[in-house]
Amino acid sequence: MLFRSVPSHDSGGGGGGGVTSLTAGTGTFVSSTSGAVTIWVGNTSNLEETFESKTTATGVVVHDCTTNRLFYHTGATGNITPNFTNLSLASGEATSISLVVVQGGTARNVSGVQIAGTTTGVSLVWQGSASAPSGNANRTDVFSFSVLCTATNAYTVLGMLTSFGGI
């Protein structure tokens, strides 16, 4: 379930108000006038996401962000360039996307990103380095991306790699 920000409004009390609740499907988005935010799904305040599994990926791989922002890769046969599609970000909006890559004996890398099938207007900046970090053999690597839409069809993508123990 994806939420967009909702502008504050005066709820009639003259104090500027704010969103008190917004129901979407079975979830409710709740915000107090003090700015504290709670997201309720069902009877708990946990927000759970699904992830999309991808197997034997190599080269440019479509990552449809319509319903998922977390992708789980196993059995990659080559380096991966994710193509993030269906982001629908307006200028001033941002999102986070993660690729979990279960590495085998030959580490695979994520060396670049595309948005809607192109690198035009996409500036990828890696944490601590000018170039893409190397994957780690026989480990689970998480490539995380913060995608910021800075203008129409212009994106700054901040990337980082975190590696976790064995497989």
Foldseek 3Di string as FASTA:
>chain_A
DDDDDDDFADPPPPPRHGDQWDDDDQKIWGAGPVGDTFIGHHHDRDDDADEAEDEQDEEEDEDEPPRDQEYEYEHHPEAYAYEYEDPPDAAADKDKHKYKYQAAQDWHFHWYYHYNPDCVQEAEPEPPDRTTDTGDHQWIKMKMWMWHRNHVSHIYIYIYIDIGDGD
